[in-house]
């Protein structure tokens, strides 16, 4: 193999490795700025309200069971009866739950970083069956129950988002809510004490026991980014609508029906107790998080994610550009200095830094156009001198414009990015193979030799022929 061609290939490979350093630095900077954005988002949540998960209402009856336990410490001694007290809770879940929620989106800023927030107006309606003493679990040796204060528990992830003091109605009676859900599985929330005078164990079957009563709750709430509802009833019907046109439906259940357009979205869920483990999870027996119906308000263009994806194609830009230079040297027999390779590679890496910095202040598409136009203009001007022809410089600028356009299409087409990228690489490889199909690679190094070495090379070739 021609030594000059080998040396040139090695030098070009080293230059590509060197360009990886600024590209990796830009990638690290993207991650750093992304973390700054997340910190700013968390800071906004601390001052406003964070993502909300709503649970309830759950009727809770705390009670103590007194049991008699017979123990025999010594077989020779008579048995001794002792009284034990176990603290328990009876959880009664709704039979039906209907939630109508309207979400008004907004934005909050911390410096140049922003996060999506919302104001929610919601109406909760349903029915719940009042408990009876027969619902209390009896252990062997049961003596009696000591029933505490029953209450309704409502879970709210971030109670700072309450815009007004909510009031819940049960069987037509308004019950003021107090702070604290008073359930281990619901760290934050509200509760309302219930007056159930007929819930007396000694009375056998109180007249209200087993009666299904309606409840209603109006809940205005602030939140950020996502809204979740836990389907705890036997039958749950949840409807959420908003003017935000970019929702993401997450959680364990997708909507049964939904409409999404430029005017916003409307989604409806229908979940039964047979579809979810929410009741067991709230009781503490299910483990893990709660099953939820969730909708997120997302940004259609995440600048850090888009820039990160673009940076991953940076090495491809450098490879293709250097390959173009290398082929140009072979075909046109015009030598390009390694320093010129390096400067062009640095200009290509600088594009991604410009894209990141500009996209934090203007729309991503405008930042992309501005950064690519700046780099293409600089490289076109510089290459017109390096290649000793403004037409050649313009030709390379046109190729770079095509590359940047193809990259933007890849960034916008998330679902088709792999197939489009594969086709692009195939077409580029095919173009290189077509252009170099008649190149004699054994003799190609002669074009890369310094001019003062060429006569000696030719003379040596002639002597060999003789």
Protein backbone atom coordinates (compact mmCIF):
# COMPACT_ATOMS: atom_id res chain seq x y z
CA UNK A 1 0.00 0.00 0.00
CA UNK A 2 1.26 3.54 -0.78
CA UNK A 3 2.95 4.96 2.32
CA UNK A 4 1.74 8.50 1.65
CA UNK A 5 -1.86 7.33 1.47
CA UNK A 6 -1.39 5.35 4.66
CA UNK A 7 0.11 8.33 6.52
CA UNK A 8 -2.66 10.61 5.28
CA UNK A 9 -5.31 8.14 6.44
CA UNK A 10 -3.69 7.85 9.87
CA UNK A 11 -3.46 11.62 10.27
CA UNK A 12 -7.08 12.03 9.27
CA UNK A 13 -8.10 9.38 11.83
CA UNK A 14 -6.14 11.17 14.55
CA UNK A 15 -7.83 14.45 13.64
CA UNK A 16 -11.26 12.80 13.90
CA UNK A 17 -10.36 11.53 17.37
CA UNK A 18 -9.25 15.04 18.36
CA UNK A 19 -12.56 16.52 17.18
CA UNK A 20 -14.34 14.04 19.45
CA UNK A 21 -12.98 16.01 22.43
CA UNK A 22 -14.92 19.26 21.76
CA UNK A 23 -17.95 17.21 20.72
CA UNK A 24 -17.90 15.36 24.05
CA UNK A 25 -17.45 18.67 25.89
CA UNK A 26 -20.55 20.02 24.15
CA UNK A 27 -22.42 16.84 25.08
CA UNK A 28 -21.41 17.28 28.73
CA UNK A 29 -22.52 20.90 28.59
CA UNK A 30 -25.92 19.81 27.29
CA UNK A 31 -26.32 17.47 30.28
CA UNK A 32 -25.19 20.23 32.64
CA UNK A 33 -27.68 22.74 31.25
CA UNK A 34 -30.36 20.07 31.35
CA UNK A 35 -29.68 19.48 35.05
CA UNK A 36 -29.83 23.25 35.65
CA UNK A 37 -33.23 23.27 33.97
CA UNK A 38 -34.44 20.43 36.18
CA UNK A 39 -33.18 22.23 39.29
CA UNK A 40 -35.01 25.38 38.20
CA UNK A 41 -38.14 23.29 37.64
CA UNK A 42 -37.89 21.79 41.12
CA UNK A 43 -37.38 25.28 42.54
CA UNK A 44 -40.56 26.48 40.84
CA UNK A 45 -42.47 23.49 42.20
CA UNK A 46 -41.31 24.34 45.72
CA UNK A 47 -42.74 27.85 45.39
CA UNK A 48 -45.85 26.94 43.39
CA UNK A 49 -46.98 23.30 43.52
CA UNK A 50 -45.68 20.08 42.03
CA UNK A 51 -47.29 17.21 40.11
CA UNK A 52 -50.56 16.22 41.76
CA UNK A 53 -51.96 12.78 42.52
CA UNK A 54 -55.50 12.76 43.94
CA UNK A 55 -56.98 9.87 45.92
CA UNK A 56 -60.31 9.43 47.58
CA UNK A 57 -62.50 9.87 49.32
CA UNK A 58 -61.99 6.85 51.57
CA UNK A 59 -64.16 6.25 54.65
CA UNK A 60 -61.90 5.21 57.53
CA UNK A 61 -63.13 3.70 60.79
CA UNK A 62 -60.29 3.35 63.33
CA UNK A 63 -60.97 0.79 66.03
CA UNK A 64 -59.37 -1.39 68.65
CA UNK A 65 -60.17 -5.04 69.11
CA UNK A 66 -59.87 -6.49 72.57
CA UNK A 67 -59.21 -10.23 72.59
CA UNK A 68 -58.76 -12.75 75.36
CA UNK A 69 -55.72 -14.99 74.99
CA UNK A 70 -55.17 -18.05 77.18
CA UNK A 71 -51.54 -18.84 77.85
CA UNK A 72 -49.86 -21.57 79.87
CA UNK A 73 -46.28 -20.59 80.79
CA UNK A 74 -45.71 -23.79 82.80
CA UNK A 75 -47.47 -27.10 82.06
CA UNK A 76 -47.74 -27.70 85.80
CA UNK A 77 -49.45 -24.36 86.38
CA UNK A 78 -53.03 -23.45 85.48
CA UNK A 79 -53.69 -21.48 82.26
CA UNK A 80 -53.77 -17.68 82.54
CA UNK A 81 -56.06 -15.48 80.46
CA UNK A 82 -54.69 -12.12 79.31
CA UNK A 83 -56.31 -9.30 77.39
CA UNK A 84 -54.70 -8.03 74.21
CA UNK A 85 -55.52 -4.88 72.22
CA UNK A 86 -54.91 -4.61 68.49
CA UNK A 87 -55.24 -1.28 66.66
CA UNK A 88 -56.85 -1.56 63.23
CA UNK A 89 -58.63 0.43 60.55
CA UNK A 90 -61.64 -0.38 58.45
CA UNK A 91 -61.38 1.18 54.98
CA UNK A 92 -64.59 1.65 53.01
CA UNK A 93 -64.17 2.62 49.34
CA UNK A 94 -66.76 4.34 47.13
CA UNK A 95 -69.15 2.36 45.00
CA UNK A 96 -69.05 4.92 42.22
CA UNK A 97 -66.77 7.85 41.46
CA UNK A 98 -67.23 10.46 38.73
CA UNK A 99 -64.58 13.13 38.22
CA UNK A 100 -64.97 16.10 35.88
CA UNK A 101 -61.75 18.15 35.67
CA UNK A 102 -60.87 21.20 33.61
CA UNK A 103 -57.15 22.05 33.41
CA UNK A 104 -55.95 25.55 32.46
CA UNK A 105 -52.24 25.46 31.48
CA UNK A 106 -49.68 28.15 32.25
CA UNK A 107 -45.94 28.76 32.46
CA UNK A 108 -43.62 29.83 35.26
CA UNK A 109 -40.01 30.95 34.79
CA UNK A 110 -36.87 30.78 36.92
CA UNK A 111 -34.29 32.75 34.97
CA UNK A 112 -34.27 31.45 31.40
CA UNK A 113 -35.78 28.11 32.43
CA UNK A 114 -39.51 27.47 32.49
CA UNK A 115 -41.90 24.75 33.55
CA UNK A 116 -45.51 24.01 32.71
CA UNK A 117 -48.06 24.55 35.48
CA UNK A 118 -51.84 24.42 35.60
CA UNK A 119 -54.94 25.43 37.49
CA UNK A 120 -57.56 22.72 37.85
CA UNK A 121 -61.25 23.09 38.58
CA UNK A 122 -62.83 19.74 39.34
CA UNK A 123 -66.11 18.26 40.52
CA UNK A 124 -66.13 14.88 42.29
CA UNK A 125 -69.36 12.94 42.75
CA UNK A 126 -70.20 9.40 43.73
CA UNK A 127 -71.69 7.12 46.32
CA UNK A 128 -70.38 5.19 49.28
CA UNK A 129 -71.90 2.52 51.51
CA UNK A 130 -71.86 3.23 55.24
CA UNK A 131 -70.17 0.46 57.23
CA UNK A 132 -71.73 -1.81 59.81
CA UNK A 133 -70.19 -3.66 62.80
CA UNK A 134 -70.30 -6.84 60.74
CA UNK A 135 -67.58 -5.29 58.54
CA UNK A 136 -65.11 -5.31 61.41
CA UNK A 137 -62.71 -8.24 61.41
CA UNK A 138 -63.08 -10.52 64.43
CA UNK A 139 -60.14 -12.49 65.75
CA UNK A 140 -60.27 -15.70 67.84
CA UNK A 141 -60.94 -14.82 71.47
CA UNK A 142 -62.81 -11.66 70.51
CA UNK A 143 -64.17 -9.74 73.49
CA UNK A 144 -65.22 -6.34 72.21
CA UNK A 145 -64.52 -3.47 69.79
CA UNK A 146 -63.60 0.07 70.76
CA UNK A 147 -64.51 2.27 67.81
CA UNK A 148 -62.69 5.59 67.33
CA UNK A 149 -63.65 8.68 65.34
CA UNK A 150 -64.62 7.78 61.75
CA UNK A 151 -63.46 10.16 59.02
CA UNK A 152 -63.24 10.64 55.27
CA UNK A 153 -59.67 10.73 53.90
CA UNK A 154 -58.68 12.55 50.71
CA UNK A 155 -55.13 12.22 49.35
CA UNK A 156 -53.48 15.25 47.69
CA UNK A 157 -49.78 15.03 46.82
CA UNK A 158 -49.08 18.74 47.35
CA UNK A 159 -51.61 20.54 49.53
CA UNK A 160 -49.94 23.89 48.83
CA UNK A 161 -51.82 23.79 45.56
CA UNK A 162 -55.22 24.23 47.25
CA UNK A 163 -56.64 27.54 46.03
CA UNK A 164 -59.55 27.58 48.49
CA UNK A 165 -60.65 25.56 51.50
CA UNK A 166 -62.63 22.68 49.96
CA UNK A 167 -65.80 21.32 51.54
CA UNK A 168 -67.07 17.81 50.96
CA UNK A 169 -70.76 16.86 51.14
CA UNK A 170 -71.84 13.45 52.39
CA UNK A 171 -75.52 12.55 52.25
CA UNK A 172 -76.34 16.24 51.78
CA UNK A 173 -74.35 17.38 54.83
CA UNK A 174 -71.32 19.63 54.44
CA UNK A 175 -68.21 18.44 56.23
CA UNK A 176 -65.26 20.79 56.74
CA UNK A 177 -61.96 19.28 55.71
CA UNK A 178 -58.88 19.41 57.91
CA UNK A 179 -55.20 18.98 57.11
CA UNK A 180 -53.72 15.50 56.97
CA UNK A 181 -55.08 12.36 55.31
CA UNK A 182 -54.27 10.27 58.40
CA UNK A 183 -53.42 7.25 56.27
CA UNK A 184 -49.86 5.83 56.02
CA UNK A 185 -50.21 5.28 52.28
CA UNK A 186 -51.34 8.89 51.73
CA UNK A 187 -48.55 11.11 53.11
CA UNK A 188 -50.39 14.37 52.36
CA UNK A 189 -54.04 15.23 52.09
CA UNK A 190 -57.16 16.19 53.98
CA UNK A 191 -59.70 14.50 56.20
CA UNK A 192 -63.21 15.25 57.51
CA UNK A 193 -64.53 13.78 60.75
CA UNK A 194 -67.85 11.95 60.46
CA UNK A 195 -70.65 11.81 62.97
CA UNK A 196 -71.88 8.20 62.89
CA UNK A 197 -73.80 7.90 66.17
CA UNK A 198 -75.58 4.75 65.01
CA UNK A 199 -72.31 2.90 64.51
CA UNK A 200 -72.47 1.05 67.85
CA UNK A 201 -71.34 -2.51 68.13
CA UNK A 202 -73.63 -3.24 71.04
CA UNK A 203 -76.64 -2.24 68.98
CA UNK A 204 -76.12 -5.10 66.55
CA UNK A 205 -77.28 -3.58 63.24
CA UNK A 206 -77.68 0.21 63.37
CA UNK A 207 -80.30 1.67 61.15
CA UNK A 208 -77.82 3.55 58.92
CA UNK A 209 -75.45 0.63 58.42
CA UNK A 210 -75.31 -0.67 54.85
CA UNK A 211 -77.06 2.41 53.46
CA UNK A 212 -75.49 3.86 50.30
CA UNK A 213 -75.23 7.65 50.42
CA UNK A 214 -74.03 10.19 47.85
CA UNK A 215 -71.03 12.46 48.23
CA UNK A 216 -69.81 15.50 46.30
CA UNK A 217 -66.63 17.55 46.35
CA UNK A 218 -65.53 20.70 44.52
CA UNK A 219 -61.74 20.80 44.38
CA UNK A 220 -59.83 23.77 42.85
CA UNK A 221 -56.14 22.97 42.74
CA UNK A 222 -52.80 24.21 41.43
CA UNK A 223 -50.27 21.77 40.03
CA UNK A 224 -47.37 21.33 37.64
CA UNK A 225 -46.70 19.11 34.67
CA UNK A 226 -48.90 16.11 35.49
CA UNK A 227 -52.28 15.30 37.03
CA UNK A 228 -53.16 11.83 38.33
CA UNK A 229 -56.33 10.33 39.80
CA UNK A 230 -56.37 7.03 41.69
CA UNK A 231 -59.38 4.89 40.65
CA UNK A 232 -60.48 3.54 44.06
CA UNK A 233 -64.21 3.06 43.47
CA UNK A 234 -65.97 -0.03 42.21
CA UNK A 235 -66.80 1.99 39.08
CA UNK A 236 -64.64 5.01 38.13
CA UNK A 237 -65.53 7.46 35.36
CA UNK A 238 -62.96 10.22 34.91
CA UNK A 239 -63.04 13.03 32.35
CA UNK A 240 -60.22 15.59 31.94
CA UNK A 241 -60.11 18.40 29.41
CA UNK A 242 -57.66 21.19 28.73
CA UNK A 243 -56.63 23.76 26.14
CA UNK A 244 -53.09 22.32 26.04
CA UNK A 245 -52.62 20.59 22.66
CA UNK A 246 -49.73 18.30 23.66
CA UNK A 247 -50.86 15.79 26.30
CA UNK A 248 -49.18 12.53 27.21
CA UNK A 249 -51.48 9.87 28.66
CA UNK A 250 -49.50 7.87 31.19
CA UNK A 251 -50.28 5.84 34.30
CA UNK A 252 -51.67 2.32 34.25
CA UNK A 253 -54.71 3.10 32.09
CA UNK A 254 -55.14 4.72 28.69
CA UNK A 255 -58.30 6.72 27.94
CA UNK A 256 -61.28 4.86 26.51
CA UNK A 257 -61.99 7.87 24.31
CA UNK A 258 -59.91 10.94 23.58
CA UNK A 259 -59.70 13.85 21.17
CA UNK A 260 -56.52 15.88 20.66
CA UNK A 261 -56.20 18.85 18.30
CA UNK A 262 -54.82 22.37 18.18
CA UNK A 263 -57.58 23.53 20.52
CA UNK A 264 -56.60 21.11 23.29
CA UNK A 265 -57.63 17.66 24.42
CA UNK A 266 -60.47 15.82 26.10
CA UNK A 267 -60.07 12.32 27.51
CA UNK A 268 -62.38 9.90 29.30
CA UNK A 269 -61.46 6.88 31.40
CA UNK A 270 -63.69 4.09 32.67
CA UNK A 271 -62.01 1.81 35.24
CA UNK A 272 -63.53 -0.81 37.52
CA UNK A 273 -62.18 -2.31 40.73
CA UNK A 274 -61.44 -5.48 38.78
CA UNK A 275 -58.91 -3.57 36.63
CA UNK A 276 -56.77 -2.10 39.40
CA UNK A 277 -55.02 -2.92 42.67
CA UNK A 278 -55.52 0.60 44.01
CA UNK A 279 -57.61 -0.58 46.96
CA UNK A 280 -55.01 -3.09 48.10
CA UNK A 281 -52.25 -0.51 47.60
CA UNK A 282 -54.02 2.06 49.77
CA UNK A 283 -54.68 -0.59 52.40
CA UNK A 284 -50.95 -1.24 52.46
CA UNK A 285 -51.17 -4.78 51.10
CA UNK A 286 -50.38 -4.07 47.44
CA UNK A 287 -46.91 -2.58 47.81
CA UNK A 288 -45.24 -0.15 45.43
CA UNK A 289 -46.91 2.97 44.08
CA UNK A 290 -50.57 3.58 43.38
CA UNK A 291 -52.31 2.70 40.14
CA UNK A 292 -53.31 5.97 38.52
CA UNK A 293 -55.05 7.61 35.61
CA UNK A 294 -52.46 10.19 34.51
CA UNK A 295 -52.16 12.98 31.97
CA UNK A 296 -49.00 15.02 31.48
CA UNK A 297 -48.67 18.41 29.84
CA UNK A 298 -45.49 18.09 27.79
CA UNK A 299 -43.40 20.43 25.67
CA UNK A 300 -43.54 19.41 22.00
CA UNK A 301 -39.89 20.44 21.62
CA UNK A 302 -37.55 19.78 24.53
CA UNK A 303 -34.49 21.84 23.59
CA UNK A 304 -32.04 19.80 25.66
CA UNK A 305 -33.31 16.48 24.37
CA UNK A 306 -33.23 17.74 20.78
CA UNK A 307 -29.73 19.20 21.18
CA UNK A 308 -28.52 16.00 22.81
CA UNK A 309 -29.86 13.96 19.91
CA UNK A 310 -28.27 16.38 17.43
CA UNK A 311 -24.88 16.15 19.17
CA UNK A 312 -24.92 12.36 18.75
CA UNK A 313 -24.83 12.97 14.99
CA UNK A 314 -21.83 15.31 15.33
CA UNK A 315 -19.25 12.61 14.64
CA UNK A 316 -21.18 11.68 11.50
CA UNK A 317 -20.88 15.31 10.29
CA UNK A 318 -17.13 15.28 10.90
CA UNK A 319 -16.66 11.89 9.21
CA UNK A 320 -18.61 12.89 6.12
CA UNK A 321 -16.87 16.26 5.82
CA UNK A 322 -13.40 14.78 6.24
CA UNK A 323 -14.27 12.01 3.82
CA UNK A 324 -15.31 14.67 1.32
CA UNK A 325 -12.00 16.46 1.77
CA UNK A 326 -10.06 13.21 1.42
CA UNK A 327 -11.85 12.26 -1.79
CA UNK A 328 -11.41 15.78 -3.10
CA UNK A 329 -7.65 15.49 -2.60
CA UNK A 330 -7.62 12.21 -4.48
CA UNK A 331 -9.84 13.22 -7.38
CA UNK A 332 -8.73 16.85 -7.84
CA UNK A 333 -5.13 16.29 -6.70
CA UNK A 334 -5.36 19.29 -4.39
CA UNK A 335 -3.59 18.93 -1.07
CA UNK A 336 -5.32 20.09 2.14
CA UNK A 337 -3.25 20.63 5.27
CA UNK A 338 -4.19 18.79 8.50
CA UNK A 339 -4.58 22.15 10.25
CA UNK A 340 -7.29 23.04 7.74
CA UNK A 341 -9.00 19.74 8.52
CA UNK A 342 -8.84 20.60 12.20
CA UNK A 343 -10.28 24.11 11.79
CA UNK A 344 -13.17 22.79 9.72
CA UNK A 345 -13.87 20.10 12.35
CA UNK A 346 -13.89 22.71 15.13
CA UNK A 347 -16.36 24.80 13.14
CA UNK A 348 -18.63 21.76 12.82
CA UNK A 349 -18.43 21.14 16.59
CA UNK A 350 -19.16 24.80 17.28
CA UNK A 351 -22.54 24.43 15.56
CA UNK A 352 -23.87 22.30 18.41
CA UNK A 353 -22.69 24.82 21.02
CA UNK A 354 -24.42 27.63 19.12
CA UNK A 355 -27.57 25.52 18.83
CA UNK A 356 -27.65 24.91 22.59
CA UNK A 357 -27.04 28.51 23.60
CA UNK A 358 -29.48 30.03 21.11
CA UNK A 359 -32.28 27.53 21.77
CA UNK A 360 -32.39 28.60 25.44
CA UNK A 361 -33.51 32.07 24.31
CA UNK A 362 -35.42 31.60 21.05
CA UNK A 363 -37.53 28.89 19.43
CA UNK A 364 -35.60 25.73 18.60
CA UNK A 365 -36.28 25.92 14.87
CA UNK A 366 -35.00 29.51 14.74
CA UNK A 367 -31.96 28.57 16.79
CA UNK A 368 -31.27 25.68 14.42
CA UNK A 369 -31.55 27.89 11.34
CA UNK A 370 -29.34 30.60 12.86
CA UNK A 371 -26.63 28.18 14.06
CA UNK A 372 -26.54 26.20 10.81
CA UNK A 373 -26.53 29.39 8.68
CA UNK A 374 -23.61 30.79 10.71
CA UNK A 375 -21.55 27.60 10.40
CA UNK A 376 -22.38 27.01 6.74
CA UNK A 377 -21.52 30.62 5.92
CA UNK A 378 -18.21 30.44 7.77
CA UNK A 379 -17.22 27.12 6.22
CA UNK A 380 -18.28 28.18 2.72
CA UNK A 381 -16.18 31.34 2.97
CA UNK A 382 -13.16 29.49 4.39
CA UNK A 383 -13.31 26.57 1.97
CA UNK A 384 -13.47 28.85 -1.05
CA UNK A 385 -9.86 29.79 -0.19
CA UNK A 386 -8.75 26.36 0.96
CA UNK A 387 -10.04 24.75 -2.24
CA UNK A 388 -8.88 27.74 -4.35
CA UNK A 389 -12.28 28.24 -5.96
CA UNK A 390 -15.44 29.95 -4.79
CA UNK A 391 -17.45 27.40 -6.78
CA UNK A 392 -15.87 24.56 -4.81
CA UNK A 393 -16.53 26.38 -1.56
CA UNK A 394 -20.12 26.92 -2.62
CA UNK A 395 -20.43 23.24 -3.53
CA UNK A 396 -19.27 22.13 -0.08
CA UNK A 397 -21.59 24.69 1.52
CA UNK A 398 -24.48 23.20 -0.47
CA UNK A 399 -23.58 19.71 0.72
CA UNK A 400 -23.44 20.93 4.33
CA UNK A 401 -26.82 22.59 3.91
CA UNK A 402 -28.24 19.28 2.75
CA UNK A 403 -26.67 17.53 5.76
CA UNK A 404 -28.08 20.04 8.24
CA UNK A 405 -31.50 19.78 6.59
CA UNK A 406 -31.40 16.00 6.82
CA UNK A 407 -30.40 16.22 10.50
CA UNK A 408 -33.34 18.50 11.27
CA UNK A 409 -35.71 16.03 9.62
CA UNK A 410 -34.24 13.27 11.80
CA UNK A 411 -34.71 15.36 14.94
CA UNK A 412 -38.34 16.12 14.13
CA UNK A 413 -39.24 12.57 13.10
CA UNK A 414 -38.78 10.73 16.40
CA UNK A 415 -40.78 7.68 15.33
CA UNK A 416 -38.98 7.37 11.98
CA UNK A 417 -35.50 8.56 13.03
CA UNK A 418 -33.90 5.10 12.76
CA UNK A 419 -35.19 4.26 9.30
CA UNK A 420 -34.44 7.75 7.97
CA UNK A 421 -30.94 7.68 9.43
CA UNK A 422 -30.29 4.25 7.96
CA UNK A 423 -31.43 5.39 4.52
CA UNK A 424 -29.27 8.52 4.76
CA UNK A 425 -26.16 6.51 5.60
CA UNK A 426 -26.90 4.05 2.81
CA UNK A 427 -27.26 6.85 0.27
CA UNK A 428 -24.05 8.52 1.43
CA UNK A 429 -22.11 5.26 1.22
CA UNK A 430 -23.57 4.60 -2.22
CA UNK A 431 -22.52 8.08 -3.37
CA UNK A 432 -18.96 7.56 -2.10
CA UNK A 433 -18.73 4.20 -3.84
CA UNK A 434 -20.00 5.68 -7.13
CA UNK A 435 -17.54 8.59 -7.00
CA UNK A 436 -14.56 6.36 -6.17
CA UNK A 437 -15.45 3.40 -8.39
CA UNK A 438 -12.56 4.13 -10.82
CA UNK A 439 -9.97 5.24 -8.25
CA UNK A 440 -6.74 3.25 -8.28
CA UNK A 441 -6.10 3.14 -4.53
CA UNK A 442 -2.56 1.75 -4.99
CA UNK A 443 -1.57 4.77 -7.08
CA UNK A 444 -3.81 7.25 -5.27
CA UNK A 445 -1.03 8.37 -2.91
CA UNK A 446 0.91 9.96 -5.77
CA UNK A 447 -1.57 12.84 -5.80
CA UNK A 448 -0.92 13.45 -2.11
CA UNK A 449 2.88 13.62 -2.40
CA UNK A 450 4.63 16.99 -2.15
CA UNK A 451 5.44 18.50 -5.52
CA UNK A 452 9.25 18.28 -5.08
CA UNK A 453 8.97 14.53 -4.44
CA UNK A 454 6.99 13.70 -7.55
CA UNK A 455 9.87 13.78 -10.10
CA UNK A 456 11.93 11.42 -7.95
CA UNK A 457 8.94 9.09 -7.63
CA UNK A 458 8.42 9.20 -11.39
CA UNK A 459 12.12 8.59 -12.10
CA UNK A 460 12.16 5.67 -9.70
CA UNK A 461 9.16 4.24 -11.44
CA UNK A 462 10.94 4.65 -14.81
CA UNK A 463 14.12 2.90 -13.65
CA UNK A 464 12.06 0.07 -12.35
CA UNK A 465 10.44 -0.25 -15.75
CA UNK A 466 13.83 -0.47 -17.47
